[in-house]
Amino acid sequence: MVWAIDCGDLPLALRIGAYVVRHNLIMPDNFGRTAATVLTEEICNPY
């Protein structure tokens, strides 16, 4: 999900993000945030 955002492929990031949030998948510890928060913040932060 994050790599898709970093590559600028937002449609793919949103598809993966929807899956992650829908299935309550947990982000790795180094993110320290929920998947929904990571998705929102990473998309909203400019490059």
C-alpha atoms as a PDB file:
ATOM      1  CA  MET A   1       0.000   0.000   0.000  1.00  0.00           C
ATOM      2  CA  VAL A   2       2.656   2.514   1.016  1.00  0.00           C
ATOM      3  CA  TRP A   3       4.912   1.667  -1.914  1.00  0.00           C
ATOM      4  CA  ALA A   4       1.993   2.237  -4.296  1.00  0.00           C
ATOM      5  CA  ILE A   5       1.512   5.695  -2.784  1.00  0.00           C
ATOM      6  CA  ASP A   6       5.238   6.392  -3.044  1.00  0.00           C
ATOM      7  CA  CYS A   7       5.145   5.393  -6.733  1.00  0.00           C
ATOM      8  CA  GLY A   8       2.188   7.682  -7.356  1.00  0.00           C
ATOM      9  CA  ASP A   9      -0.213   4.846  -8.172  1.00  0.00           C
ATOM     10  CA  LEU A  10      -3.084   6.132  -6.050  1.00  0.00           C
ATOM     11  CA  PRO A  11      -5.790   3.913  -7.611  1.00  0.00           C
ATOM     12  CA  LEU A  12      -3.765   0.823  -6.658  1.00  0.00           C
ATOM     13  CA  ALA A  13      -3.014   2.233  -3.202  1.00  0.00           C
ATOM     14  CA  LEU A  14      -6.715   2.824  -2.593  1.00  0.00           C
ATOM     15  CA  ARG A  15      -7.641  -0.705  -3.720  1.00  0.00           C
ATOM     16  CA  ILE A  16      -5.003  -2.226  -1.440  1.00  0.00           C
ATOM     17  CA  GLY A  17      -5.918   0.178   1.364  1.00  0.00           C
ATOM     18  CA  ALA A  18      -9.594  -0.740   1.145  1.00  0.00           C
ATOM     19  CA  TYR A  19      -8.674  -4.416   1.449  1.00  0.00           C
ATOM     20  CA  VAL A  20      -6.348  -3.756   4.393  1.00  0.00           C
ATOM     21  CA  VAL A  21      -8.933  -1.682   6.273  1.00  0.00           C
ATOM     22  CA  ARG A  22     -11.840  -4.024   5.459  1.00  0.00           C
ATOM     23  CA  HIS A  23      -9.937  -7.022   6.825  1.00  0.00           C
ATOM     24  CA  ASN A  24      -8.454  -5.171   9.824  1.00  0.00           C
ATOM     25  CA  LEU A  25      -4.884  -5.964   8.812  1.00  0.00           C
ATOM     26  CA  ILE A  26      -2.238  -4.544  11.134  1.00  0.00           C
ATOM     27  CA  MET A  27       0.549  -2.298   9.901  1.00  0.00           C
ATOM     28  CA  PRO A  28       4.142  -3.203  10.826  1.00  0.00           C
ATOM     29  CA  ASP A  29       5.312  -1.846  14.189  1.00  0.00           C
ATOM     30  CA  ASN A  30       7.555   0.805  12.652  1.00  0.00           C
ATOM     31  CA  PHE A  31       4.489   2.672  11.330  1.00  0.00           C
ATOM     32  CA  GLY A  32       2.953   3.035  14.805  1.00  0.00           C
ATOM     33  CA  ARG A  33      -0.460   3.918  13.330  1.00  0.00           C
ATOM     34  CA  THR A  34      -3.523   2.129  12.064  1.00  0.00           C
ATOM     35  CA  ALA A  35      -3.741   1.227   8.389  1.00  0.00           C
ATOM     36  CA  ALA A  36      -6.510   3.790   7.844  1.00  0.00           C
ATOM     37  CA  THR A  37      -4.372   6.522   9.400  1.00  0.00           C
ATOM     38  CA  VAL A  38      -1.314   5.559   7.349  1.00  0.00           C
ATOM     39  CA  LEU A  39      -3.380   5.524   4.157  1.00  0.00           C
ATOM     40  CA  THR A  40      -4.918   8.924   4.872  1.00  0.00           C
ATOM     41  CA  GLU A  41      -1.715  10.628   5.990  1.00  0.00           C
ATOM     42  CA  GLU A  42       0.464   9.240   3.207  1.00  0.00           C
ATOM     43  CA  ILE A  43      -1.989  10.232   0.479  1.00  0.00           C
ATOM     44  CA  CYS A  44      -2.499  13.706   1.961  1.00  0.00           C
ATOM     45  CA  ASN A  45       1.202  14.465   2.449  1.00  0.00           C
ATOM     46  CA  PRO A  46       2.765  16.150  -0.574  1.00  0.00           C
ATOM     47  CA  TYR A  47       5.898  14.597  -2.052  1.00  0.00           C
END
